[in-house]
Amino acid sequence: MEPAPPERESISRPVILGIVVVLIVAGAIAFMMRATPKPVRAPQPYIANIKLSDLKMGEAQNFIGANLTYVDGTVLNAGDRAVTHISVHVVFHDSIGQVAQAEDVPLFLLDSSGPYPDTRDLNKYPLPPGQSKQFRLTFEHVSAEWNRAYPDVSVTDVSLK
């Protein structure tokens, strides 16, 4: 009696097994890398009590010679609580009115009592209720596409004491 020829393993079985393994690994990687959605914050009612006015713009050089663009103005706390942080959304437009640059930046109080203007953190120097103070927003870089007009500035976040 002749020995039975060895059974040839079907080539499709390893290919299918390989595809399944690749799909499982790809699915595991996609599951681990998916971004967790940021929680949507409800609008803060106190933002309506923060009023920005008297905007002025300027440019200066810092101590290493780089150009800075800044927006100065007045911030009024028309509410009944001290404010310890304000974030603003600033939008610079291009010559056809489209967004050239948009940034969320913290608002700093402007102290001009010394030999040169300096900024102060609201966390250390809260803005009392009913008071207004000068502020400064500083930008190390503004897009070359900016049309040189005043940017849109809106309050996006407020922390209270």
N, C-alpha and C. Protein backbone atom coordinates (compact mmCIF):
# COMPACT_ATOMS: atom_id res chain seq x y z
N MET A 1 0.82 -1.17 0.00
CA MET A 1 0.00 0.00 0.00
C MET A 1 0.88 1.25 0.00
N GLU A 2 0.47 2.21 -0.84
CA GLU A 2 1.26 3.43 -0.92
C GLU A 2 0.81 4.39 0.16
N PRO A 3 1.82 5.11 0.71
CA PRO A 3 1.42 6.10 1.71
C PRO A 3 0.60 7.20 1.06
N ALA A 4 -0.34 7.71 1.81
CA ALA A 4 -1.21 8.77 1.31
C ALA A 4 -0.38 10.04 1.12
N PRO A 5 -0.59 10.72 0.01
CA PRO A 5 0.17 11.95 -0.20
C PRO A 5 -0.18 12.97 0.90
N PRO A 6 0.84 13.72 1.36
CA PRO A 6 0.54 14.71 2.41
C PRO A 6 -0.46 15.74 1.88
N GLU A 7 -1.38 16.09 2.74
CA GLU A 7 -2.39 17.06 2.32
C GLU A 7 -1.75 18.43 2.22
N ARG A 8 -2.01 19.04 1.11
CA ARG A 8 -1.50 20.40 0.93
C ARG A 8 -2.45 21.37 1.60
N GLU A 9 -1.85 22.19 2.42
CA GLU A 9 -2.68 23.18 3.11
C GLU A 9 -3.13 24.20 2.09
N SER A 10 -4.33 24.53 2.16
CA SER A 10 -4.89 25.48 1.21
C SER A 10 -4.22 26.83 1.43
N ILE A 11 -3.87 27.50 0.37
CA ILE A 11 -3.20 28.80 0.46
C ILE A 11 -4.17 29.88 0.92
N SER A 12 -5.43 29.65 0.73
CA SER A 12 -6.40 30.67 1.12
C SER A 12 -6.54 30.78 2.63
N ARG A 13 -6.33 29.71 3.35
CA ARG A 13 -6.46 29.75 4.81
C ARG A 13 -5.46 30.72 5.45
N PRO A 14 -4.15 30.70 5.14
CA PRO A 14 -3.21 31.66 5.74
C PRO A 14 -3.51 33.10 5.30
N VAL A 15 -3.94 33.27 4.07
CA VAL A 15 -4.25 34.62 3.59
C VAL A 15 -5.42 35.20 4.38
N ILE A 16 -6.46 34.40 4.54
CA ILE A 16 -7.63 34.86 5.29
C ILE A 16 -7.25 35.13 6.75
N LEU A 17 -6.46 34.24 7.34
CA LEU A 17 -6.02 34.43 8.72
C LEU A 17 -5.19 35.72 8.84
N GLY A 18 -4.32 35.98 7.88
CA GLY A 18 -3.50 37.21 7.90
C GLY A 18 -4.36 38.46 7.80
N ILE A 19 -5.36 38.43 6.94
CA ILE A 19 -6.26 39.58 6.78
C ILE A 19 -7.02 39.83 8.08
N VAL A 20 -7.49 38.77 8.72
CA VAL A 20 -8.23 38.90 9.98
C VAL A 20 -7.33 39.52 11.05
N VAL A 21 -6.08 39.05 11.16
CA VAL A 21 -5.14 39.59 12.15
C VAL A 21 -4.88 41.07 11.89
N VAL A 22 -4.65 41.43 10.62
CA VAL A 22 -4.40 42.83 10.28
C VAL A 22 -5.61 43.70 10.63
N LEU A 23 -6.82 43.22 10.34
CA LEU A 23 -8.02 43.98 10.67
C LEU A 23 -8.18 44.15 12.18
N ILE A 24 -7.88 43.12 12.95
CA ILE A 24 -7.99 43.21 14.41
C ILE A 24 -6.97 44.22 14.95
N VAL A 25 -5.74 44.14 14.47
CA VAL A 25 -4.70 45.08 14.93
C VAL A 25 -5.08 46.51 14.53
N ALA A 26 -5.53 46.72 13.29
CA ALA A 26 -5.92 48.06 12.85
C ALA A 26 -7.10 48.59 13.66
N GLY A 27 -8.05 47.73 13.96
CA GLY A 27 -9.19 48.14 14.79
C GLY A 27 -8.76 48.51 16.19
N ALA A 28 -7.84 47.74 16.78
CA ALA A 28 -7.34 48.05 18.13
C ALA A 28 -6.60 49.38 18.14
N ILE A 29 -5.78 49.63 17.12
CA ILE A 29 -5.05 50.90 17.05
C ILE A 29 -6.01 52.07 16.88
N ALA A 30 -7.00 51.91 16.01
CA ALA A 30 -7.99 52.98 15.81
C ALA A 30 -8.76 53.25 17.09
N PHE A 31 -9.10 52.21 17.83
CA PHE A 31 -9.84 52.37 19.07
C PHE A 31 -9.01 53.13 20.11
N MET A 32 -7.71 52.81 20.20
CA MET A 32 -6.84 53.46 21.19
C MET A 32 -6.50 54.89 20.81
N MET A 33 -6.48 55.20 19.52
CA MET A 33 -6.07 56.54 19.08
C MET A 33 -7.23 57.50 18.89
N ARG A 34 -8.42 57.04 19.05
CA ARG A 34 -9.55 57.94 18.81
C ARG A 34 -9.53 59.06 19.85
N ALA A 35 -9.86 60.23 19.40
CA ALA A 35 -9.85 61.40 20.27
C ALA A 35 -11.10 61.39 21.13
N THR A 36 -10.89 61.66 22.39
CA THR A 36 -12.06 61.77 23.26
C THR A 36 -12.69 63.13 22.99
N PRO A 37 -13.98 63.17 22.79
CA PRO A 37 -14.62 64.46 22.49
C PRO A 37 -14.49 65.41 23.67
N LYS A 38 -14.18 66.66 23.34
CA LYS A 38 -14.09 67.68 24.39
C LYS A 38 -15.50 68.00 24.86
N PRO A 39 -15.67 68.12 26.17
CA PRO A 39 -17.00 68.46 26.64
C PRO A 39 -17.37 69.87 26.20
N VAL A 40 -18.59 70.02 25.77
CA VAL A 40 -19.07 71.33 25.34
C VAL A 40 -19.43 72.11 26.60
N ARG A 41 -18.79 73.27 26.73
CA ARG A 41 -19.06 74.09 27.90
C ARG A 41 -20.26 74.98 27.63
N ALA A 42 -21.11 75.04 28.59
CA ALA A 42 -22.26 75.93 28.46
C ALA A 42 -21.76 77.37 28.54
N PRO A 43 -22.39 78.26 27.81
CA PRO A 43 -21.97 79.67 27.89
C PRO A 43 -22.09 80.15 29.34
N GLN A 44 -21.10 80.89 29.76
CA GLN A 44 -21.12 81.41 31.12
C GLN A 44 -21.92 82.71 31.15
N PRO A 45 -22.93 82.76 32.00
CA PRO A 45 -23.75 83.98 32.04
C PRO A 45 -22.95 85.21 32.47
N TYR A 46 -21.89 85.02 33.26
CA TYR A 46 -21.13 86.17 33.76
C TYR A 46 -20.38 86.89 32.64
N ILE A 47 -20.15 86.22 31.52
CA ILE A 47 -19.44 86.85 30.40
C ILE A 47 -20.15 88.14 29.97
N ALA A 48 -21.47 88.19 30.09
CA ALA A 48 -22.21 89.39 29.71
C ALA A 48 -21.83 90.60 30.57
N ASN A 49 -21.25 90.36 31.74
CA ASN A 49 -20.84 91.45 32.63
C ASN A 49 -19.45 92.00 32.31
N ILE A 50 -18.74 91.37 31.40
CA ILE A 50 -17.39 91.82 31.05
C ILE A 50 -17.47 92.64 29.76
N LYS A 51 -17.11 93.90 29.86
CA LYS A 51 -17.21 94.81 28.72
C LYS A 51 -15.80 95.27 28.31
N LEU A 52 -15.48 95.12 27.04
CA LEU A 52 -14.21 95.59 26.50
C LEU A 52 -14.46 96.83 25.66
N SER A 53 -13.62 97.86 25.83
CA SER A 53 -13.82 99.10 25.09
C SER A 53 -12.47 99.79 24.85
N ASP A 54 -12.52 100.90 24.12
CA ASP A 54 -11.36 101.75 23.85
C ASP A 54 -10.16 100.98 23.30
N LEU A 55 -10.40 100.12 22.32
CA LEU A 55 -9.31 99.33 21.76
C LEU A 55 -8.32 100.21 21.01
N LYS A 56 -7.05 99.94 21.24
CA LYS A 56 -5.96 100.61 20.54
C LYS A 56 -4.94 99.54 20.18
N MET A 57 -4.28 99.71 19.06
CA MET A 57 -3.27 98.73 18.65
C MET A 57 -1.92 99.39 18.51
N GLY A 58 -0.90 98.55 18.65
CA GLY A 58 0.45 99.05 18.47
C GLY A 58 1.41 97.92 18.19
N GLU A 59 2.62 98.30 17.83
CA GLU A 59 3.68 97.33 17.61
C GLU A 59 4.90 97.81 18.37
N ALA A 60 5.69 96.85 18.83
CA ALA A 60 6.91 97.16 19.56
C ALA A 60 7.89 96.02 19.34
N GLN A 61 9.13 96.25 19.72
CA GLN A 61 10.12 95.19 19.69
C GLN A 61 10.39 94.74 21.12
N ASN A 62 10.55 93.42 21.28
CA ASN A 62 10.90 92.93 22.60
C ASN A 62 12.42 93.02 22.77
N PHE A 63 12.92 92.55 23.89
CA PHE A 63 14.34 92.70 24.21
C PHE A 63 15.27 91.91 23.30
N ILE A 64 14.74 90.95 22.54
CA ILE A 64 15.59 90.22 21.60
C ILE A 64 15.39 90.69 20.16
N GLY A 65 14.64 91.75 19.98
CA GLY A 65 14.48 92.36 18.67
C GLY A 65 13.32 91.85 17.83
N ALA A 66 12.51 90.97 18.37
CA ALA A 66 11.35 90.46 17.63
C ALA A 66 10.20 91.46 17.72
N ASN A 67 9.43 91.58 16.65
CA ASN A 67 8.28 92.48 16.65
C ASN A 67 7.11 91.83 17.37
N LEU A 68 6.42 92.61 18.19
CA LEU A 68 5.22 92.19 18.89
C LEU A 68 4.08 93.10 18.46
N THR A 69 2.91 92.53 18.33
CA THR A 69 1.70 93.30 18.08
C THR A 69 0.86 93.22 19.34
N TYR A 70 0.32 94.34 19.75
CA TYR A 70 -0.50 94.30 20.95
C TYR A 70 -1.80 95.08 20.75
N VAL A 71 -2.79 94.65 21.53
CA VAL A 71 -4.08 95.32 21.57
C VAL A 71 -4.29 95.76 23.00
N ASP A 72 -4.43 97.06 23.20
CA ASP A 72 -4.73 97.61 24.52
C ASP A 72 -6.18 98.06 24.54
N GLY A 73 -6.74 98.14 25.73
CA GLY A 73 -8.11 98.61 25.87
C GLY A 73 -8.48 98.70 27.34
N THR A 74 -9.77 98.85 27.56
CA THR A 74 -10.31 98.93 28.91
C THR A 74 -11.27 97.78 29.12
N VAL A 75 -11.14 97.11 30.27
CA VAL A 75 -12.06 96.03 30.62
C VAL A 75 -12.86 96.50 31.84
N LEU A 76 -14.17 96.33 31.76
CA LEU A 76 -15.07 96.69 32.85
C LEU A 76 -15.74 95.44 33.39
N ASN A 77 -15.69 95.28 34.70
CA ASN A 77 -16.41 94.20 35.37
C ASN A 77 -17.72 94.80 35.87
N ALA A 78 -18.79 94.65 35.10
CA ALA A 78 -20.08 95.23 35.45
C ALA A 78 -20.89 94.32 36.36
N GLY A 79 -20.31 93.21 36.78
CA GLY A 79 -21.02 92.26 37.64
C GLY A 79 -20.80 92.53 39.11
N ASP A 80 -21.16 91.53 39.93
CA ASP A 80 -21.08 91.69 41.38
C ASP A 80 -20.05 90.77 42.03
N ARG A 81 -19.14 90.19 41.23
CA ARG A 81 -18.10 89.30 41.76
C ARG A 81 -16.74 89.68 41.18
N ALA A 82 -15.68 89.40 41.91
CA ALA A 82 -14.32 89.67 41.43
C ALA A 82 -13.95 88.65 40.35
N VAL A 83 -13.26 89.12 39.32
CA VAL A 83 -12.86 88.28 38.20
C VAL A 83 -11.37 87.95 38.33
N THR A 84 -11.04 86.65 38.22
CA THR A 84 -9.65 86.21 38.37
C THR A 84 -9.04 85.70 37.06
N HIS A 85 -9.83 85.59 36.01
CA HIS A 85 -9.29 85.17 34.71
C HIS A 85 -10.30 85.53 33.62
N ILE A 86 -9.77 86.02 32.50
CA ILE A 86 -10.59 86.29 31.32
C ILE A 86 -9.83 85.77 30.12
N SER A 87 -10.48 84.96 29.30
CA SER A 87 -9.93 84.53 28.02
C SER A 87 -10.72 85.21 26.92
N VAL A 88 -10.01 85.61 25.87
CA VAL A 88 -10.68 86.25 24.74
C VAL A 88 -10.31 85.54 23.45
N HIS A 89 -11.22 85.60 22.50
CA HIS A 89 -10.99 85.05 21.16
C HIS A 89 -10.74 86.25 20.25
N VAL A 90 -9.58 86.25 19.59
CA VAL A 90 -9.18 87.37 18.75
C VAL A 90 -9.07 86.87 17.31
N VAL A 91 -9.74 87.57 16.40
CA VAL A 91 -9.75 87.17 14.99
C VAL A 91 -9.20 88.33 14.14
N PHE A 92 -8.09 88.05 13.45
CA PHE A 92 -7.51 88.99 12.50
C PHE A 92 -8.01 88.59 11.11
N HIS A 93 -8.39 89.58 10.31
CA HIS A 93 -8.94 89.32 8.97
C HIS A 93 -7.93 89.70 7.89
N ASP A 94 -8.14 89.13 6.69
CA ASP A 94 -7.29 89.49 5.55
C ASP A 94 -7.98 90.56 4.72
N SER A 95 -7.41 90.88 3.58
CA SER A 95 -7.93 91.99 2.76
C SER A 95 -9.31 91.74 2.18
N ILE A 96 -9.77 90.50 2.11
CA ILE A 96 -11.12 90.24 1.60
C ILE A 96 -12.08 89.82 2.72
N GLY A 97 -11.67 90.05 3.97
CA GLY A 97 -12.55 89.82 5.11
C GLY A 97 -12.57 88.41 5.65
N GLN A 98 -11.73 87.54 5.11
CA GLN A 98 -11.67 86.18 5.62
C GLN A 98 -10.71 86.12 6.81
N VAL A 99 -10.82 85.06 7.58
CA VAL A 99 -9.98 84.91 8.77
C VAL A 99 -8.55 84.64 8.33
N ALA A 100 -7.64 85.52 8.77
CA ALA A 100 -6.21 85.33 8.50
C ALA A 100 -5.55 84.63 9.68
N GLN A 101 -6.07 84.87 10.89
CA GLN A 101 -5.52 84.25 12.10
C GLN A 101 -6.55 84.39 13.20
N ALA A 102 -6.69 83.35 13.99
CA ALA A 102 -7.60 83.38 15.14
C ALA A 102 -6.88 82.75 16.32
N GLU A 103 -6.96 83.39 17.47
CA GLU A 103 -6.28 82.88 18.67
C GLU A 103 -7.15 83.11 19.88
N ASP A 104 -7.03 82.19 20.85
CA ASP A 104 -7.62 82.36 22.18
C ASP A 104 -6.47 82.72 23.10
N VAL A 105 -6.57 83.88 23.73
CA VAL A 105 -5.47 84.35 24.59
C VAL A 105 -6.03 84.85 25.92
N PRO A 106 -5.21 84.78 26.97
CA PRO A 106 -5.64 85.34 28.26
C PRO A 106 -5.51 86.87 28.22
N LEU A 107 -6.38 87.51 28.96
CA LEU A 107 -6.35 88.97 29.08
C LEU A 107 -5.50 89.31 30.31
N PHE A 108 -4.55 90.22 30.15
CA PHE A 108 -3.71 90.68 31.26
C PHE A 108 -3.99 92.16 31.51
N LEU A 109 -3.99 92.54 32.78
CA LEU A 109 -4.14 93.94 33.12
C LEU A 109 -2.85 94.67 32.78
N LEU A 110 -2.95 95.94 32.41
CA LEU A 110 -1.80 96.74 32.04
C LEU A 110 -1.47 97.68 33.19
N ASP A 111 -0.26 97.57 33.69
CA ASP A 111 0.21 98.43 34.78
C ASP A 111 1.22 99.41 34.21
N SER A 112 0.87 100.68 34.19
CA SER A 112 1.78 101.68 33.65
C SER A 112 2.33 102.60 34.74
N SER A 113 2.35 102.11 35.99
CA SER A 113 2.84 102.93 37.08
C SER A 113 4.37 102.94 37.17
N GLY A 114 5.04 101.98 36.54
CA GLY A 114 6.50 101.91 36.59
C GLY A 114 7.14 102.65 35.44
N PRO A 115 8.43 102.41 35.25
CA PRO A 115 9.15 103.11 34.17
C PRO A 115 8.70 102.67 32.77
N TYR A 116 8.11 101.49 32.66
CA TYR A 116 7.59 101.02 31.38
C TYR A 116 6.33 100.19 31.65
N PRO A 117 5.41 100.13 30.69
CA PRO A 117 4.18 99.36 30.89
C PRO A 117 4.48 97.88 31.10
N ASP A 118 3.79 97.27 32.03
CA ASP A 118 3.97 95.85 32.33
C ASP A 118 2.59 95.22 32.47
N THR A 119 2.51 93.92 32.27
CA THR A 119 1.23 93.23 32.40
C THR A 119 1.14 92.52 33.74
N ARG A 120 -0.10 92.38 34.21
CA ARG A 120 -0.37 91.70 35.48
C ARG A 120 -1.43 90.64 35.26
N ASP A 121 -1.22 89.50 35.88
CA ASP A 121 -2.16 88.38 35.79
C ASP A 121 -3.37 88.67 36.67
N LEU A 122 -4.56 88.48 36.12
CA LEU A 122 -5.79 88.68 36.88
C LEU A 122 -5.89 87.74 38.08
N ASN A 123 -5.23 86.60 38.01
CA ASN A 123 -5.27 85.67 39.13
C ASN A 123 -4.61 86.28 40.37
N LYS A 124 -3.56 87.08 40.16
CA LYS A 124 -2.86 87.73 41.28
C LYS A 124 -3.46 89.09 41.61
N TYR A 125 -4.07 89.72 40.62
CA TYR A 125 -4.66 91.05 40.79
C TYR A 125 -6.09 91.02 40.25
N PRO A 126 -7.03 90.41 41.00
CA PRO A 126 -8.41 90.29 40.49
C PRO A 126 -9.05 91.65 40.18
N LEU A 127 -9.96 91.62 39.22
CA LEU A 127 -10.71 92.81 38.85
C LEU A 127 -11.97 92.87 39.70
N PRO A 128 -12.03 93.83 40.64
CA PRO A 128 -13.18 93.90 41.54
C PRO A 128 -14.48 94.25 40.80
N PRO A 129 -15.61 93.91 41.40
CA PRO A 129 -16.90 94.24 40.78
C PRO A 129 -17.06 95.76 40.62
N GLY A 130 -17.63 96.15 39.48
CA GLY A 130 -17.91 97.56 39.23
C GLY A 130 -16.70 98.39 38.82
N GLN A 131 -15.53 97.78 38.67
CA GLN A 131 -14.34 98.55 38.33
C GLN A 131 -13.87 98.25 36.91
N SER A 132 -13.13 99.22 36.36
CA SER A 132 -12.53 99.02 35.04
C SER A 132 -11.03 99.26 35.15
N LYS A 133 -10.28 98.57 34.30
CA LYS A 133 -8.82 98.69 34.27
C LYS A 133 -8.36 98.57 32.83
N GLN A 134 -7.16 99.03 32.58
CA GLN A 134 -6.55 98.90 31.27
C GLN A 134 -6.06 97.46 31.10
N PHE A 135 -6.11 96.94 29.86
CA PHE A 135 -5.62 95.59 29.60
C PHE A 135 -4.74 95.58 28.37
N ARG A 136 -4.01 94.47 28.21
CA ARG A 136 -3.17 94.28 27.03
C ARG A 136 -3.23 92.82 26.58
N LEU A 137 -3.37 92.65 25.27
CA LEU A 137 -3.26 91.35 24.62
C LEU A 137 -2.02 91.42 23.74
N THR A 138 -1.11 90.47 23.87
CA THR A 138 0.15 90.51 23.14
C THR A 138 0.24 89.33 22.18
N PHE A 139 0.69 89.61 20.96
CA PHE A 139 0.83 88.59 19.93
C PHE A 139 2.26 88.62 19.40
N GLU A 140 2.96 87.50 19.53
CA GLU A 140 4.33 87.41 19.04
C GLU A 140 4.38 87.32 17.52
N HIS A 141 3.33 86.79 16.94
CA HIS A 141 3.28 86.66 15.48
C HIS A 141 1.85 86.92 15.01
N VAL A 142 1.71 87.74 14.00
CA VAL A 142 0.42 87.93 13.34
C VAL A 142 0.65 87.64 11.86
N SER A 143 -0.26 86.93 11.26
CA SER A 143 -0.16 86.51 9.87
C SER A 143 0.15 87.69 8.95
N ALA A 144 0.99 87.44 7.97
CA ALA A 144 1.32 88.46 6.96
C ALA A 144 0.09 88.81 6.12
N GLU A 145 -0.94 87.96 6.12
CA GLU A 145 -2.17 88.21 5.38
C GLU A 145 -3.09 89.21 6.08
N TRP A 146 -2.80 89.54 7.33
CA TRP A 146 -3.64 90.45 8.11
C TRP A 146 -3.78 91.79 7.40
N ASN A 147 -4.98 92.34 7.38
CA ASN A 147 -5.26 93.59 6.66
C ASN A 147 -4.97 94.85 7.47
N ARG A 148 -4.40 94.72 8.62
CA ARG A 148 -4.00 95.85 9.49
C ARG A 148 -5.18 96.56 10.13
N ALA A 149 -6.38 96.03 10.01
CA ALA A 149 -7.54 96.60 10.68
C ALA A 149 -7.63 96.00 12.09
N TYR A 150 -8.43 96.63 12.94
CA TYR A 150 -8.61 96.10 14.28
C TYR A 150 -9.22 94.70 14.20
N PRO A 151 -8.73 93.79 15.03
CA PRO A 151 -9.31 92.44 15.04
C PRO A 151 -10.63 92.43 15.79
N ASP A 152 -11.39 91.36 15.60
CA ASP A 152 -12.59 91.12 16.40
C ASP A 152 -12.13 90.51 17.72
N VAL A 153 -12.59 91.05 18.83
CA VAL A 153 -12.20 90.56 20.15
C VAL A 153 -13.47 90.24 20.93
N SER A 154 -13.59 89.00 21.41
CA SER A 154 -14.78 88.63 22.20
C SER A 154 -14.36 87.78 23.39
N VAL A 155 -15.02 87.98 24.50
CA VAL A 155 -14.74 87.24 25.73
C VAL A 155 -15.33 85.84 25.59
N THR A 156 -14.50 84.82 25.90
CA THR A 156 -14.95 83.44 25.78
C THR A 156 -14.99 82.69 27.10
N ASP A 157 -14.24 83.16 28.11
CA ASP A 157 -14.19 82.43 29.37
C ASP A 157 -13.89 83.40 30.50
N VAL A 158 -14.50 83.16 31.65
CA VAL A 158 -14.31 84.00 32.82
C VAL A 158 -14.23 83.11 34.05
N SER A 159 -13.27 83.40 34.93
CA SER A 159 -13.20 82.73 36.23
C SER A 159 -13.45 83.76 37.31
N LEU A 160 -14.19 83.35 38.32
CA LEU A 160 -14.61 84.27 39.39
C LEU A 160 -14.02 83.87 40.73
N LYS A 161 -13.92 84.85 41.59
CA LYS A 161 -13.43 84.62 42.95
C LYS A 161 -14.60 84.39 43.87
